[in-house]
Amino acid sequence: MKKILLSVLTVVLAISVVAQGNSGKGKSKQKDKGNTSQTDNPGNSKEKEDKAKHDEHDRKIWDGIGDKNSSCMKPSKNQPAKVRSSFQRDYPYAVNVRWTKCRGDWTASFGNGLFRSTAVYHANGQRRDTRTPITRNDIPRRILDEIFKRRPNDRLEDAIKIEVPNVIKEIFRIKNMLQGKTEYQYFNSDGMQVSYDY
C-alpha cells in the first residue's frame, strides 16, 4: 500500500512540476511579446506576407480593366446568400477565401490546390467566370505560336486562364508589351484570338 501511495504521490509531484515549468514559460513568452514590436512578431509578418500575395494576385487578375482606384481589390462583407451558396457548391475545397466586389459582381479569391483563383459571381449566384494566373509554361503552345507569328518582338508579361461555365474551351488573357505599350489579347485554347468582356 505504501508503494502505491508513494507512486501516486510521485506522479502528482511530477505533473505539478511540469505544469509549473510550462506556466513559467508562458509568462516569459507574454513578457517577450510585450517587448516585441509588431514588425518583429512572426504572426504579423506572416499576415503581411499573405496580404502581399493576395494583393499581387488581385493586381494580376484586375490589371487592365480600367479601374485606376483598385476598387476591385477592396475586401467586402455580406455577400448575398445565393452567391455564397453557389461558391461553396462550385469550390467546396477552397481555402483562404477573400471576398471583394467589382463592377457590381461579387468576387471570391481563394486557394485552389497549387494556384490561387478568383471566381466572379452575379448577385443572383450565377458564376460569370473563374480566373487563375498562370505561368508562361502553362500557356498552350498554339497561343504562343500565334502571338509570335504575328509579332515576334512581343514580350509576354502575365497570363490569366479564364474558365467560363458552359463553355468548353478555356480562354487565356495574355498581357504583352510591344515598344513600351501594354496590350491585352484573348485566345481560346486552340490559339484563335477571341473577344471577351473582361
C-alpha atoms as a PDB file:
ATOM      1  CA  MET A   1       0.000   0.000   0.000  1.00  0.00           C
ATOM      2  CA  LYS A   2       2.851   2.348   0.833  1.00  0.00           C
ATOM      3  CA  LYS A   3       4.383   1.642  -2.588  1.00  0.00           C
ATOM      4  CA  ILE A   4       1.149   2.571  -4.409  1.00  0.00           C
ATOM      5  CA  LEU A   5       0.726   5.738  -2.357  1.00  0.00           C
ATOM      6  CA  LEU A   6       4.348   6.669  -2.986  1.00  0.00           C
ATOM      7  CA  SER A   7       3.927   6.053  -6.751  1.00  0.00           C
ATOM      8  CA  VAL A   8       0.773   8.189  -6.939  1.00  0.00           C
ATOM      9  CA  LEU A   9       2.453  10.959  -4.967  1.00  0.00           C
ATOM     10  CA  THR A  10       5.479  10.868  -7.306  1.00  0.00           C
ATOM     11  CA  VAL A  11       3.251  11.112 -10.402  1.00  0.00           C
ATOM     12  CA  VAL A  12       1.290  14.034  -8.940  1.00  0.00           C
ATOM     13  CA  LEU A  13       4.507  15.810  -7.981  1.00  0.00           C
ATOM     14  CA  ALA A  14       5.966  15.271 -11.479  1.00  0.00           C
ATOM     15  CA  ILE A  15       2.828  16.616 -13.139  1.00  0.00           C
ATOM     16  CA  SER A  16       2.811  19.716 -10.929  1.00  0.00           C
ATOM     17  CA  VAL A  17       6.500  20.416 -11.674  1.00  0.00           C
ATOM     18  CA  VAL A  18       5.867  20.102 -15.408  1.00  0.00           C
ATOM     19  CA  ALA A  19       2.794  22.321 -15.163  1.00  0.00           C
ATOM     20  CA  GLN A  20       4.715  24.993 -13.266  1.00  0.00           C
ATOM     21  CA  GLY A  21       7.523  24.854 -15.789  1.00  0.00           C
ATOM     22  CA  ASN A  22       5.065  25.388 -18.660  1.00  0.00           C
ATOM     23  CA  SER A  23       3.258  28.216 -16.937  1.00  0.00           C
ATOM     24  CA  GLY A  24       6.570  29.964 -16.308  1.00  0.00           C
ATOM     25  CA  LYS A  25       7.436  29.649 -19.991  1.00  0.00           C
ATOM     26  CA  GLY A  26       4.088  31.111 -20.948  1.00  0.00           C
ATOM     27  CA  LYS A  27       4.696  34.125 -18.714  1.00  0.00           C
ATOM     28  CA  SER A  28       8.108  34.775 -20.226  1.00  0.00           C
ATOM     29  CA  LYS A  29       6.605  34.494 -23.708  1.00  0.00           C
ATOM     30  CA  GLN A  30       3.980  37.040 -22.742  1.00  0.00           C
ATOM     31  CA  LYS A  31       6.666  39.349 -21.421  1.00  0.00           C
ATOM     32  CA  ASP A  32       8.630  38.905 -24.639  1.00  0.00           C
ATOM     33  CA  LYS A  33       5.525  39.632 -26.695  1.00  0.00           C
ATOM     34  CA  GLY A  34       5.009  42.836 -24.783  1.00  0.00           C
ATOM     35  CA  ASN A  35       8.563  43.922 -25.562  1.00  0.00           C
ATOM     36  CA  THR A  36       8.456  42.898 -29.228  1.00  0.00           C
ATOM     37  CA  SER A  37       7.421  45.444 -31.795  1.00  0.00           C
ATOM     38  CA  GLN A  38       4.650  44.418 -34.151  1.00  0.00           C
ATOM     39  CA  THR A  39       7.035  44.304 -37.089  1.00  0.00           C
ATOM     40  CA  ASP A  40       9.111  41.633 -35.308  1.00  0.00           C
ATOM     41  CA  ASN A  41       6.096  39.492 -34.450  1.00  0.00           C
ATOM     42  CA  PRO A  42       6.284  36.355 -36.647  1.00  0.00           C
ATOM     43  CA  GLY A  43       2.487  36.096 -36.835  1.00  0.00           C
ATOM     44  CA  ASN A  44       2.273  39.679 -38.048  1.00  0.00           C
ATOM     45  CA  SER A  45       4.952  39.162 -40.710  1.00  0.00           C
ATOM     46  CA  LYS A  46       3.071  36.072 -41.926  1.00  0.00           C
ATOM     47  CA  GLU A  47      -0.082  38.166 -42.218  1.00  0.00           C
ATOM     48  CA  LYS A  48       1.827  40.833 -44.153  1.00  0.00           C
ATOM     49  CA  GLU A  49       3.290  38.179 -46.445  1.00  0.00           C
ATOM     50  CA  ASP A  50      -0.176  36.701 -47.076  1.00  0.00           C
ATOM     51  CA  LYS A  51      -1.592  40.169 -47.773  1.00  0.00           C
ATOM     52  CA  ALA A  52       1.221  40.870 -50.233  1.00  0.00           C
ATOM     53  CA  LYS A  53       0.484  37.586 -52.054  1.00  0.00           C
ATOM     54  CA  HIS A  54      -3.238  38.403 -52.169  1.00  0.00           C
ATOM     55  CA  ASP A  55      -2.528  41.908 -53.460  1.00  0.00           C
ATOM     56  CA  GLU A  56      -0.191  40.603 -56.167  1.00  0.00           C
ATOM     57  CA  HIS A  57      -2.817  38.058 -57.224  1.00  0.00           C
ATOM     58  CA  ASP A  58      -5.521  40.740 -57.348  1.00  0.00           C
ATOM     59  CA  ARG A  59      -3.258  43.094 -59.290  1.00  0.00           C
ATOM     60  CA  LYS A  60      -2.703  40.438 -61.968  1.00  0.00           C
ATOM     61  CA  ILE A  61      -6.375  39.490 -62.126  1.00  0.00           C
ATOM     62  CA  TRP A  62      -7.742  43.043 -62.390  1.00  0.00           C
ATOM     63  CA  ASP A  63      -4.884  44.606 -64.341  1.00  0.00           C
ATOM     64  CA  GLY A  64      -6.119  46.406 -67.437  1.00  0.00           C
ATOM     65  CA  ILE A  65      -9.803  46.720 -66.611  1.00  0.00           C
ATOM     66  CA  GLY A  66      -9.523  50.496 -66.422  1.00  0.00           C
ATOM     67  CA  ASP A  67     -10.258  50.681 -62.688  1.00  0.00           C
ATOM     68  CA  LYS A  68      -7.474  53.017 -61.597  1.00  0.00           C
ATOM     69  CA  ASN A  69      -8.576  53.223 -57.949  1.00  0.00           C
ATOM     70  CA  SER A  70      -8.399  49.427 -57.459  1.00  0.00           C
ATOM     71  CA  SER A  71     -11.925  49.182 -56.051  1.00  0.00           C
ATOM     72  CA  CYS A  72     -11.971  45.568 -57.245  1.00  0.00           C
ATOM     73  CA  MET A  73      -9.287  44.803 -54.661  1.00  0.00           C
ATOM     74  CA  LYS A  74     -11.077  46.174 -51.602  1.00  0.00           C
ATOM     75  CA  PRO A  75     -12.466  43.479 -49.257  1.00  0.00           C
ATOM     76  CA  SER A  76     -16.237  43.316 -48.896  1.00  0.00           C
ATOM     77  CA  LYS A  77     -18.661  41.724 -46.476  1.00  0.00           C
ATOM     78  CA  ASN A  78     -22.212  40.432 -46.529  1.00  0.00           C
ATOM     79  CA  GLN A  79     -22.322  38.586 -49.824  1.00  0.00           C
ATOM     80  CA  PRO A  80     -25.806  37.513 -50.935  1.00  0.00           C
ATOM     81  CA  ALA A  81     -26.773  34.026 -49.744  1.00  0.00           C
ATOM     82  CA  LYS A  82     -27.145  32.846 -53.357  1.00  0.00           C
ATOM     83  CA  VAL A  83     -23.582  33.916 -54.117  1.00  0.00           C
ATOM     84  CA  ARG A  84     -22.126  32.164 -51.065  1.00  0.00           C
ATOM     85  CA  SER A  85     -24.144  29.028 -51.749  1.00  0.00           C
ATOM     86  CA  SER A  86     -23.049  28.894 -55.397  1.00  0.00           C
ATOM     87  CA  PHE A  87     -19.421  29.446 -54.453  1.00  0.00           C
ATOM     88  CA  GLN A  88     -19.498  26.654 -51.848  1.00  0.00           C
ATOM     89  CA  ARG A  89     -21.115  24.340 -54.407  1.00  0.00           C
ATOM     90  CA  ASP A  90     -18.565  25.205 -57.112  1.00  0.00           C
ATOM     91  CA  TYR A  91     -15.469  25.161 -54.878  1.00  0.00           C
ATOM     92  CA  PRO A  92     -16.112  23.055 -51.767  1.00  0.00           C
ATOM     93  CA  TYR A  93     -12.386  22.720 -51.000  1.00  0.00           C
ATOM     94  CA  ALA A  94     -11.472  26.391 -51.362  1.00  0.00           C
ATOM     95  CA  VAL A  95      -9.192  27.793 -48.647  1.00  0.00           C
ATOM     96  CA  ASN A  96      -8.238  31.318 -47.587  1.00  0.00           C
ATOM     97  CA  VAL A  97     -11.254  32.896 -49.283  1.00  0.00           C
ATOM     98  CA  ARG A  98     -11.209  36.689 -49.633  1.00  0.00           C
ATOM     99  CA  TRP A  99     -14.345  38.428 -50.919  1.00  0.00           C
ATOM    100  CA  THR A 100     -14.414  41.670 -52.902  1.00  0.00           C
ATOM    101  CA  LYS A 101     -16.973  43.425 -55.058  1.00  0.00           C
ATOM    102  CA  CYS A 102     -16.100  44.559 -58.556  1.00  0.00           C
ATOM    103  CA  ARG A 103     -18.353  46.334 -61.036  1.00  0.00           C
ATOM    104  CA  GLY A 104     -21.491  45.059 -59.326  1.00  0.00           C
ATOM    105  CA  ASP A 105     -20.300  41.433 -59.184  1.00  0.00           C
ATOM    106  CA  TRP A 106     -19.073  39.525 -56.137  1.00  0.00           C
ATOM    107  CA  THR A 107     -15.608  38.002 -56.379  1.00  0.00           C
ATOM    108  CA  ALA A 108     -14.026  35.307 -54.249  1.00  0.00           C
ATOM    109  CA  SER A 109     -10.244  34.900 -54.373  1.00  0.00           C
ATOM    110  CA  PHE A 110      -9.217  31.563 -52.917  1.00  0.00           C
ATOM    111  CA  GLY A 111      -6.580  28.872 -52.701  1.00  0.00           C
ATOM    112  CA  ASN A 112      -7.331  26.130 -55.185  1.00  0.00           C
ATOM    113  CA  GLY A 113      -4.665  23.445 -54.888  1.00  0.00           C
ATOM    114  CA  LEU A 114      -1.394  24.816 -56.259  1.00  0.00           C
ATOM    115  CA  PHE A 115      -2.939  28.015 -57.579  1.00  0.00           C
ATOM    116  CA  ARG A 116      -4.888  30.984 -56.291  1.00  0.00           C
ATOM    117  CA  SER A 117      -8.008  31.730 -58.339  1.00  0.00           C
ATOM    118  CA  THR A 118     -10.767  34.323 -58.420  1.00  0.00           C
ATOM    119  CA  ALA A 119     -14.370  33.354 -59.127  1.00  0.00           C
ATOM    120  CA  VAL A 120     -16.757  36.115 -60.243  1.00  0.00           C
ATOM    121  CA  TYR A 121     -20.478  35.834 -59.410  1.00  0.00           C
ATOM    122  CA  HIS A 122     -23.518  37.899 -60.306  1.00  0.00           C
ATOM    123  CA  ALA A 123     -25.791  38.794 -57.377  1.00  0.00           C
ATOM    124  CA  ASN A 124     -28.220  36.010 -58.376  1.00  0.00           C
ATOM    125  CA  GLY A 125     -25.496  33.408 -57.706  1.00  0.00           C
ATOM    126  CA  GLN A 126     -24.685  32.714 -61.348  1.00  0.00           C
ATOM    127  CA  ARG A 127     -20.931  32.287 -61.880  1.00  0.00           C
ATOM    128  CA  ARG A 128     -19.611  34.555 -64.601  1.00  0.00           C
ATOM    129  CA  ASP A 129     -16.113  33.048 -64.779  1.00  0.00           C
ATOM    130  CA  THR A 130     -13.090  31.888 -62.790  1.00  0.00           C
ATOM    131  CA  ARG A 131      -9.699  33.491 -63.357  1.00  0.00           C
ATOM    132  CA  THR A 132      -6.339  31.949 -62.487  1.00  0.00           C
ATOM    133  CA  PRO A 133      -2.897  33.498 -63.064  1.00  0.00           C
ATOM    134  CA  ILE A 134      -0.650  31.018 -64.876  1.00  0.00           C
ATOM    135  CA  THR A 135       2.978  30.888 -65.918  1.00  0.00           C
ATOM    136  CA  ARG A 136       4.231  31.112 -69.471  1.00  0.00           C
ATOM    137  CA  ASN A 137       4.822  27.347 -69.396  1.00  0.00           C
ATOM    138  CA  ASP A 138       1.077  26.825 -68.818  1.00  0.00           C
ATOM    139  CA  ILE A 139       0.034  28.801 -71.909  1.00  0.00           C
ATOM    140  CA  PRO A 140      -0.957  26.421 -74.716  1.00  0.00           C
ATOM    141  CA  ARG A 141       1.717  26.230 -77.411  1.00  0.00           C
ATOM    142  CA  ARG A 142      -0.803  27.161 -80.127  1.00  0.00           C
ATOM    143  CA  ILE A 143      -1.379  30.528 -78.460  1.00  0.00           C
ATOM    144  CA  LEU A 144       2.328  31.296 -78.189  1.00  0.00           C
ATOM    145  CA  ASP A 145       2.851  30.327 -81.835  1.00  0.00           C
ATOM    146  CA  GLU A 146       0.006  32.617 -82.914  1.00  0.00           C
ATOM    147  CA  ILE A 147       1.312  35.577 -80.902  1.00  0.00           C
ATOM    148  CA  PHE A 148       4.918  35.321 -82.065  1.00  0.00           C
ATOM    149  CA  LYS A 149       3.984  34.519 -85.658  1.00  0.00           C
ATOM    150  CA  ARG A 150       2.237  37.891 -85.947  1.00  0.00           C
ATOM    151  CA  ARG A 151       4.526  39.934 -83.708  1.00  0.00           C
ATOM    152  CA  PRO A 152       7.836  38.246 -82.898  1.00  0.00           C
ATOM    153  CA  ASN A 153       9.041  41.158 -80.747  1.00  0.00           C
ATOM    154  CA  ASP A 154       6.209  40.946 -78.199  1.00  0.00           C
ATOM    155  CA  ARG A 155       7.220  40.439 -74.582  1.00  0.00           C
ATOM    156  CA  LEU A 156       4.701  38.458 -72.549  1.00  0.00           C
ATOM    157  CA  GLU A 157       4.065  39.874 -69.077  1.00  0.00           C
ATOM    158  CA  ASP A 158       1.208  37.951 -67.446  1.00  0.00           C
ATOM    159  CA  ALA A 159      -1.278  35.290 -68.429  1.00  0.00           C
ATOM    160  CA  ILE A 160      -4.685  34.561 -66.912  1.00  0.00           C
ATOM    161  CA  LYS A 161      -6.654  31.387 -67.610  1.00  0.00           C
ATOM    162  CA  ILE A 162     -10.403  32.089 -67.699  1.00  0.00           C
ATOM    163  CA  GLU A 163     -12.893  29.279 -67.214  1.00  0.00           C
ATOM    164  CA  VAL A 164     -16.417  30.207 -68.261  1.00  0.00           C
ATOM    165  CA  PRO A 165     -19.361  27.978 -67.235  1.00  0.00           C
ATOM    166  CA  ASN A 166     -20.902  26.033 -70.133  1.00  0.00           C
ATOM    167  CA  VAL A 167     -18.027  26.966 -72.469  1.00  0.00           C
ATOM    168  CA  ILE A 168     -15.862  24.027 -73.444  1.00  0.00           C
ATOM    169  CA  LYS A 169     -12.694  25.890 -74.385  1.00  0.00           C
ATOM    170  CA  GLU A 170     -10.819  27.911 -71.831  1.00  0.00           C
ATOM    171  CA  ILE A 171      -9.919  31.496 -72.634  1.00  0.00           C
ATOM    172  CA  PHE A 172      -6.488  32.921 -71.975  1.00  0.00           C
ATOM    173  CA  ARG A 173      -5.875  36.611 -71.375  1.00  0.00           C
ATOM    174  CA  ILE A 174      -2.338  37.493 -72.376  1.00  0.00           C
ATOM    175  CA  LYS A 175      -0.747  40.750 -71.286  1.00  0.00           C
ATOM    176  CA  ASN A 176       2.076  41.652 -73.639  1.00  0.00           C
ATOM    177  CA  MET A 177       4.349  44.597 -74.236  1.00  0.00           C
ATOM    178  CA  LEU A 178       5.486  45.947 -77.577  1.00  0.00           C
ATOM    179  CA  GLN A 179       7.691  49.021 -77.661  1.00  0.00           C
ATOM    180  CA  GLY A 180       6.570  50.077 -74.187  1.00  0.00           C
ATOM    181  CA  LYS A 181       2.858  49.763 -74.953  1.00  0.00           C
ATOM    182  CA  THR A 182       0.721  47.335 -72.934  1.00  0.00           C
ATOM    183  CA  GLU A 183      -1.867  45.278 -74.760  1.00  0.00           C
ATOM    184  CA  TYR A 184      -4.306  42.591 -73.627  1.00  0.00           C
ATOM    185  CA  GLN A 185      -5.292  39.819 -76.012  1.00  0.00           C
ATOM    186  CA  TYR A 186      -7.686  36.909 -75.569  1.00  0.00           C
ATOM    187  CA  PHE A 187      -7.258  33.478 -77.123  1.00  0.00           C
ATOM    188  CA  ASN A 188      -9.083  30.185 -76.857  1.00  0.00           C
ATOM    189  CA  SER A 189      -7.103  27.002 -76.199  1.00  0.00           C
ATOM    190  CA  ASP A 190      -6.866  26.349 -79.981  1.00  0.00           C
ATOM    191  CA  GLY A 191      -4.839  29.535 -80.426  1.00  0.00           C
ATOM    192  CA  MET A 192      -7.623  31.530 -82.074  1.00  0.00           C
ATOM    193  CA  GLN A 193      -7.910  35.145 -80.991  1.00  0.00           C
ATOM    194  CA  VAL A 194     -11.319  35.863 -79.458  1.00  0.00           C
ATOM    195  CA  SER A 195     -13.037  38.834 -77.861  1.00  0.00           C
ATOM    196  CA  TYR A 196     -14.019  38.677 -74.223  1.00  0.00           C
ATOM    197  CA  ASP A 197     -15.678  41.255 -71.976  1.00  0.00           C
ATOM    198  CA  TYR A 198     -13.334  41.081 -69.028  1.00  0.00           C
END
